[in-house]
Amino acid sequence: MFKVSVIATCMLITLCVNINGLDEAPKVTVDQGALKGKFWKTRRGREFSAFLSIPYAEPPIGDLRFK
């Protein structure tokens, strides 16, 4: 019974340490402000930083629309 308790405790500690490391998101600061990204993995297991919904231009309005 003691052996099972030790194994369960070790697994719980490992799980808590792994979950705690997932909270850190990549952050990049540019002239327009800060971007917060996510860590993703490819199908082959390579990890990369992904940044979504990055605004890159003003929308065409008024005379610029449909030209």
PDB file of N, CA and C in Angstrom:
ATOM      1  N   MET A   1       0.824  -1.189   0.000  1.00  0.00           N
ATOM      2  CA  MET A   1       0.000   0.000   0.000  1.00  0.00           C
ATOM      3  C   MET A   1       0.867   1.251   0.000  1.00  0.00           C
ATOM      4  N   PHE A   2       1.965   1.209   0.756  1.00  0.00           N
ATOM      5  CA  PHE A   2       2.859   2.362   0.821  1.00  0.00           C
ATOM      6  C   PHE A   2       3.478   2.652  -0.545  1.00  0.00           C
ATOM      7  N   LYS A   3       3.820   1.593  -1.277  1.00  0.00           N
ATOM      8  CA  LYS A   3       4.422   1.749  -2.598  1.00  0.00           C
ATOM      9  C   LYS A   3       3.453   2.441  -3.552  1.00  0.00           C
ATOM     10  N   VAL A   4       2.182   2.095  -3.487  1.00  0.00           N
ATOM     11  CA  VAL A   4       1.163   2.719  -4.338  1.00  0.00           C
ATOM     12  C   VAL A   4       1.019   4.194  -3.986  1.00  0.00           C
ATOM     13  N   SER A   5       1.062   4.530  -2.705  1.00  0.00           N
ATOM     14  CA  SER A   5       0.965   5.930  -2.278  1.00  0.00           C
ATOM     15  C   SER A   5       2.147   6.751  -2.785  1.00  0.00           C
ATOM     16  N   VAL A   6       3.335   6.186  -2.719  1.00  0.00           N
ATOM     17  CA  VAL A   6       4.527   6.894  -3.190  1.00  0.00           C
ATOM     18  C   VAL A   6       4.446   7.121  -4.694  1.00  0.00           C
ATOM     19  N   ILE A   7       4.040   6.115  -5.437  1.00  0.00           N
ATOM     20  CA  ILE A   7       3.919   6.243  -6.894  1.00  0.00           C
ATOM     21  C   ILE A   7       2.853   7.275  -7.250  1.00  0.00           C
ATOM     22  N   ALA A   8       1.719   7.230  -6.566  1.00  0.00           N
ATOM     23  CA  ALA A   8       0.648   8.194  -6.832  1.00  0.00           C
ATOM     24  C   ALA A   8       1.092   9.617  -6.511  1.00  0.00           C
ATOM     25  N   THR A   9       1.828   9.794  -5.434  1.00  0.00           N
ATOM     26  CA  THR A   9       2.329  11.122  -5.068  1.00  0.00           C
ATOM     27  C   THR A   9       3.317  11.636  -6.109  1.00  0.00           C
ATOM     28  N   CYS A  10       4.213  10.786  -6.561  1.00  0.00           N
ATOM     29  CA  CYS A  10       5.181  11.188  -7.592  1.00  0.00           C
ATOM     30  C   CYS A  10       4.478  11.570  -8.890  1.00  0.00           C
ATOM     31  N   MET A  11       3.462  10.811  -9.266  1.00  0.00           N
ATOM     32  CA  MET A  11       2.711  11.122 -10.485  1.00  0.00           C
ATOM     33  C   MET A  11       1.978  12.450 -10.344  1.00  0.00           C
ATOM     34  N   LEU A  12       1.413  12.713  -9.188  1.00  0.00           N
ATOM     35  CA  LEU A  12       0.696  13.964  -8.946  1.00  0.00           C
ATOM     36  C   LEU A  12       1.642  15.160  -9.010  1.00  0.00           C
ATOM     37  N   ILE A  13       2.811  15.033  -8.421  1.00  0.00           N
ATOM     38  CA  ILE A  13       3.803  16.118  -8.463  1.00  0.00           C
ATOM     39  C   ILE A  13       4.253  16.369  -9.902  1.00  0.00           C
ATOM     40  N   THR A  14       4.509  15.313 -10.653  1.00  0.00           N
ATOM     41  CA  THR A  14       4.915  15.454 -12.052  1.00  0.00           C
ATOM     42  C   THR A  14       3.832  16.139 -12.867  1.00  0.00           C
ATOM     43  N   LEU A  15       2.595  15.770 -12.654  1.00  0.00           N
ATOM     44  CA  LEU A  15       1.475  16.378 -13.369  1.00  0.00           C
ATOM     45  C   LEU A  15       1.362  17.857 -13.040  1.00  0.00           C
ATOM     46  N   CYS A  16       1.495  18.212 -11.785  1.00  0.00           N
ATOM     47  CA  CYS A  16       1.406  19.625 -11.377  1.00  0.00           C
ATOM     48  C   CYS A  16       2.532  20.449 -11.986  1.00  0.00           C
ATOM     49  N   VAL A  17       3.728  19.907 -12.036  1.00  0.00           N
ATOM     50  CA  VAL A  17       4.861  20.627 -12.622  1.00  0.00           C
ATOM     51  C   VAL A  17       4.634  20.828 -14.113  1.00  0.00           C
ATOM     52  N   ASN A  18       4.141  19.816 -14.818  1.00  0.00           N
ATOM     53  CA  ASN A  18       3.893  19.928 -16.253  1.00  0.00           C
ATOM     54  C   ASN A  18       2.786  20.925 -16.554  1.00  0.00           C
ATOM     55  N   ILE A  19       1.725  20.925 -15.783  1.00  0.00           N
ATOM     56  CA  ILE A  19       0.621  21.856 -16.004  1.00  0.00           C
ATOM     57  C   ILE A  19       1.074  23.283 -15.721  1.00  0.00           C
ATOM     58  N   ASN A  20       1.887  23.474 -14.715  1.00  0.00           N
ATOM     59  CA  ASN A  20       2.376  24.805 -14.376  1.00  0.00           C
ATOM     60  C   ASN A  20       3.206  25.390 -15.513  1.00  0.00           C
ATOM     61  N   GLY A  21       3.956  24.590 -16.226  1.00  0.00           N
ATOM     62  CA  GLY A  21       4.771  25.068 -17.337  1.00  0.00           C
ATOM     63  C   GLY A  21       3.965  25.442 -18.560  1.00  0.00           C
ATOM     64  N   LEU A  22       2.727  24.974 -18.670  1.00  0.00           N
ATOM     65  CA  LEU A  22       1.902  25.270 -19.835  1.00  0.00           C
ATOM     66  C   LEU A  22       1.322  26.675 -19.807  1.00  0.00           C
ATOM     67  N   ASP A  23       1.352  27.351 -18.672  1.00  0.00           N
ATOM     68  CA  ASP A  23       0.757  28.677 -18.552  1.00  0.00           C
ATOM     69  C   ASP A  23       1.550  29.751 -19.282  1.00  0.00           C
ATOM     70  N   GLU A  24       2.807  29.517 -19.525  1.00  0.00           N
ATOM     71  CA  GLU A  24       3.642  30.529 -20.147  1.00  0.00           C
ATOM     72  C   GLU A  24       3.384  30.560 -21.650  1.00  0.00           C
ATOM     73  N   ALA A  25       2.924  31.700 -22.139  1.00  0.00           N
ATOM     74  CA  ALA A  25       2.673  31.872 -23.564  1.00  0.00           C
ATOM     75  C   ALA A  25       3.757  32.771 -24.142  1.00  0.00           C
ATOM     76  N   PRO A  26       4.145  32.531 -25.399  1.00  0.00           N
ATOM     77  CA  PRO A  26       5.152  33.406 -25.997  1.00  0.00           C
ATOM     78  C   PRO A  26       4.599  34.815 -26.179  1.00  0.00           C
ATOM     79  N   LYS A  27       5.413  35.807 -25.871  1.00  0.00           N
ATOM     80  CA  LYS A  27       5.003  37.203 -26.011  1.00  0.00           C
ATOM     81  C   LYS A  27       6.039  37.935 -26.846  1.00  0.00           C
ATOM     82  N   VAL A  28       5.554  38.765 -27.768  1.00  0.00           N
ATOM     83  CA  VAL A  28       6.419  39.560 -28.626  1.00  0.00           C
ATOM     84  C   VAL A  28       5.923  40.993 -28.580  1.00  0.00           C
ATOM     85  N   THR A  29       6.841  41.937 -28.444  1.00  0.00           N
ATOM     86  CA  THR A  29       6.474  43.348 -28.450  1.00  0.00           C
ATOM     87  C   THR A  29       6.942  43.977 -29.758  1.00  0.00           C
ATOM     88  N   VAL A  30       6.015  44.619 -30.463  1.00  0.00           N
ATOM     89  CA  VAL A  30       6.309  45.335 -31.704  1.00  0.00           C
ATOM     90  C   VAL A  30       5.929  46.800 -31.510  1.00  0.00           C
ATOM     91  N   ASP A  31       6.184  47.625 -32.524  1.00  0.00           N
ATOM     92  CA  ASP A  31       5.900  49.060 -32.409  1.00  0.00           C
ATOM     93  C   ASP A  31       4.434  49.339 -32.090  1.00  0.00           C
ATOM     94  N   GLN A  32       3.531  48.534 -32.624  1.00  0.00           N
ATOM     95  CA  GLN A  32       2.098  48.757 -32.437  1.00  0.00           C
ATOM     96  C   GLN A  32       1.555  48.196 -31.130  1.00  0.00           C
ATOM     97  N   GLY A  33       2.318  47.408 -30.421  1.00  0.00           N
ATOM     98  CA  GLY A  33       1.855  46.840 -29.157  1.00  0.00           C
ATOM     99  C   GLY A  33       2.441  45.461 -28.912  1.00  0.00           C
ATOM    100  N   ALA A  34       1.822  44.735 -28.015  1.00  0.00           N
ATOM    101  CA  ALA A  34       2.297  43.401 -27.639  1.00  0.00           C
ATOM    102  C   ALA A  34       1.407  42.330 -28.253  1.00  0.00           C
ATOM    103  N   LEU A  35       2.019  41.214 -28.633  1.00  0.00           N
ATOM    104  CA  LEU A  35       1.304  40.063 -29.176  1.00  0.00           C
ATOM    105  C   LEU A  35       1.507  38.878 -28.247  1.00  0.00           C
ATOM    106  N   LYS A  36       0.451  38.152 -27.996  1.00  0.00           N
ATOM    107  CA  LYS A  36       0.512  36.955 -27.169  1.00  0.00           C
ATOM    108  C   LYS A  36       0.201  35.761 -28.059  1.00  0.00           C
ATOM    109  N   GLY A  37       1.040  34.762 -28.018  1.00  0.00           N
ATOM    110  CA  GLY A  37       0.875  33.605 -28.881  1.00  0.00           C
ATOM    111  C   GLY A  37       0.610  32.331 -28.107  1.00  0.00           C
ATOM    112  N   LYS A  38       0.774  31.225 -28.804  1.00  0.00           N
ATOM    113  CA  LYS A  38       0.584  29.895 -28.226  1.00  0.00           C
ATOM    114  C   LYS A  38       1.709  28.995 -28.711  1.00  0.00           C
ATOM    115  N   PHE A  39       2.023  27.987 -27.919  1.00  0.00           N
ATOM    116  CA  PHE A  39       2.954  26.958 -28.347  1.00  0.00           C
ATOM    117  C   PHE A  39       2.152  25.828 -28.970  1.00  0.00           C
ATOM    118  N   TRP A  40       2.493  25.469 -30.198  1.00  0.00           N
ATOM    119  CA  TRP A  40       1.846  24.356 -30.879  1.00  0.00           C
ATOM    120  C   TRP A  40       2.908  23.349 -31.285  1.00  0.00           C
ATOM    121  N   LYS A  41       2.461  22.139 -31.598  1.00  0.00           N
ATOM    122  CA  LYS A  41       3.373  21.102 -32.069  1.00  0.00           C
ATOM    123  C   LYS A  41       2.936  20.630 -33.443  1.00  0.00           C
ATOM    124  N   THR A  42       3.932  20.318 -34.281  1.00  0.00           N
ATOM    125  CA  THR A  42       3.645  19.759 -35.591  1.00  0.00           C
ATOM    126  C   THR A  42       3.323  18.273 -35.436  1.00  0.00           C
ATOM    127  N   ARG A  43       2.933  17.663 -36.521  1.00  0.00           N
ATOM    128  CA  ARG A  43       2.634  16.223 -36.473  1.00  0.00           C
ATOM    129  C   ARG A  43       3.862  15.398 -36.115  1.00  0.00           C
ATOM    130  N   ARG A  44       5.019  15.922 -36.445  1.00  0.00           N
ATOM    131  CA  ARG A  44       6.260  15.205 -36.141  1.00  0.00           C
ATOM    132  C   ARG A  44       6.834  15.563 -34.778  1.00  0.00           C
ATOM    133  N   GLY A  45       6.117  16.388 -34.014  1.00  0.00           N
ATOM    134  CA  GLY A  45       6.525  16.679 -32.648  1.00  0.00           C
ATOM    135  C   GLY A  45       7.376  17.917 -32.449  1.00  0.00           C
ATOM    136  N   ARG A  46       7.625  18.676 -33.521  1.00  0.00           N
ATOM    137  CA  ARG A  46       8.407  19.911 -33.366  1.00  0.00           C
ATOM    138  C   ARG A  46       7.525  21.007 -32.791  1.00  0.00           C
ATOM    139  N   GLU A  47       8.050  21.742 -31.830  1.00  0.00           N
ATOM    140  CA  GLU A  47       7.289  22.807 -31.178  1.00  0.00           C
ATOM    141  C   GLU A  47       7.595  24.140 -31.848  1.00  0.00           C
ATOM    142  N   PHE A  48       6.548  24.969 -32.025  1.00  0.00           N
ATOM    143  CA  PHE A  48       6.744  26.298 -32.591  1.00  0.00           C
ATOM    144  C   PHE A  48       5.783  27.274 -31.941  1.00  0.00           C
ATOM    145  N   SER A  49       6.078  28.556 -32.083  1.00  0.00           N
ATOM    146  CA  SER A  49       5.229  29.617 -31.542  1.00  0.00           C
ATOM    147  C   SER A  49       4.284  30.086 -32.636  1.00  0.00           C
ATOM    148  N   ALA A  50       3.002  30.193 -32.311  1.00  0.00           N
ATOM    149  CA  ALA A  50       1.989  30.646 -33.265  1.00  0.00           C
ATOM    150  C   ALA A  50       1.333  31.912 -32.737  1.00  0.00           C
ATOM    151  N   PHE A  51       1.206  32.901 -33.609  1.00  0.00           N
ATOM    152  CA  PHE A  51       0.553  34.157 -33.271  1.00  0.00           C
ATOM    153  C   PHE A  51      -0.598  34.350 -34.250  1.00  0.00           C
ATOM    154  N   LEU A  52      -1.824  34.430 -33.730  1.00  0.00           N
ATOM    155  CA  LEU A  52      -3.015  34.541 -34.567  1.00  0.00           C
ATOM    156  C   LEU A  52      -3.651  35.913 -34.416  1.00  0.00           C
ATOM    157  N   SER A  53      -4.493  36.278 -35.390  1.00  0.00           N
ATOM    158  CA  SER A  53      -5.263  37.534 -35.368  1.00  0.00           C
ATOM    159  C   SER A  53      -4.367  38.761 -35.259  1.00  0.00           C
ATOM    160  N   ILE A  54      -3.323  38.788 -36.071  1.00  0.00           N
ATOM    161  CA  ILE A  54      -2.424  39.936 -36.078  1.00  0.00           C
ATOM    162  C   ILE A  54      -2.974  40.971 -37.059  1.00  0.00           C
ATOM    163  N   PRO A  55      -3.325  42.172 -36.588  1.00  0.00           N
ATOM    164  CA  PRO A  55      -3.786  43.206 -37.519  1.00  0.00           C
ATOM    165  C   PRO A  55      -2.606  43.718 -38.349  1.00  0.00           C
ATOM    166  N   TYR A  56      -2.780  43.811 -39.647  1.00  0.00           N
ATOM    167  CA  TYR A  56      -1.661  44.212 -40.490  1.00  0.00           C
ATOM    168  C   TYR A  56      -1.946  45.417 -41.372  1.00  0.00           C
ATOM    169  N   ALA A  57      -3.192  45.898 -41.464  1.00  0.00           N
ATOM    170  CA  ALA A  57      -3.485  47.059 -42.303  1.00  0.00           C
ATOM    171  C   ALA A  57      -4.815  47.674 -41.885  1.00  0.00           C
ATOM    172  N   GLU A  58      -5.004  48.920 -42.281  1.00  0.00           N
ATOM    173  CA  GLU A  58      -6.288  49.585 -42.066  1.00  0.00           C
ATOM    174  C   GLU A  58      -7.268  49.104 -43.131  1.00  0.00           C
ATOM    175  N   PRO A  59      -8.544  48.941 -42.796  1.00  0.00           N
ATOM    176  CA  PRO A  59      -9.513  48.519 -43.807  1.00  0.00           C
ATOM    177  C   PRO A  59      -9.775  49.642 -44.806  1.00  0.00           C
ATOM    178  N   PRO A  60      -9.977  49.303 -46.081  1.00  0.00           N
ATOM    179  CA  PRO A  60     -10.274  50.333 -47.069  1.00  0.00           C
ATOM    180  C   PRO A  60     -11.685  50.876 -46.867  1.00  0.00           C
ATOM    181  N   ILE A  61     -11.795  52.167 -46.604  1.00  0.00           N
ATOM    182  CA  ILE A  61     -13.101  52.789 -46.402  1.00  0.00           C
ATOM    183  C   ILE A  61     -13.211  54.031 -47.280  1.00  0.00           C
ATOM    184  N   GLY A  62     -14.419  54.493 -47.485  1.00  0.00           N
ATOM    185  CA  GLY A  62     -14.653  55.702 -48.278  1.00  0.00           C
ATOM    186  C   GLY A  62     -14.249  55.515 -49.732  1.00  0.00           C
ATOM    187  N   ASP A  63     -13.420  56.440 -50.261  1.00  0.00           N
ATOM    188  CA  ASP A  63     -12.994  56.404 -51.665  1.00  0.00           C
ATOM    189  C   ASP A  63     -12.100  55.209 -51.982  1.00  0.00           C
ATOM    190  N   LEU A  64     -11.437  54.656 -50.998  1.00  0.00           N
ATOM    191  CA  LEU A  64     -10.531  53.529 -51.228  1.00  0.00           C
ATOM    192  C   LEU A  64     -11.259  52.200 -51.395  1.00  0.00           C
ATOM    193  N   ARG A  65     -12.504  52.137 -51.000  1.00  0.00           N
ATOM    194  CA  ARG A  65     -13.253  50.884 -51.043  1.00  0.00           C
ATOM    195  C   ARG A  65     -13.520  50.462 -52.485  1.00  0.00           C
ATOM    196  N   PHE A  66     -13.298  49.202 -52.803  1.00  0.00           N
ATOM    197  CA  PHE A  66     -13.537  48.576 -54.109  1.00  0.00           C
ATOM    198  C   PHE A  66     -12.693  49.197 -55.218  1.00  0.00           C
ATOM    199  N   LYS A  67     -11.467  49.612 -54.928  1.00  0.00           N
ATOM    200  CA  LYS A  67     -10.565  50.098 -55.984  1.00  0.00           C
ATOM    201  C   LYS A  67      -9.374  49.189 -56.101  1.00  0.00           C
TER     202      LYS A  67
END
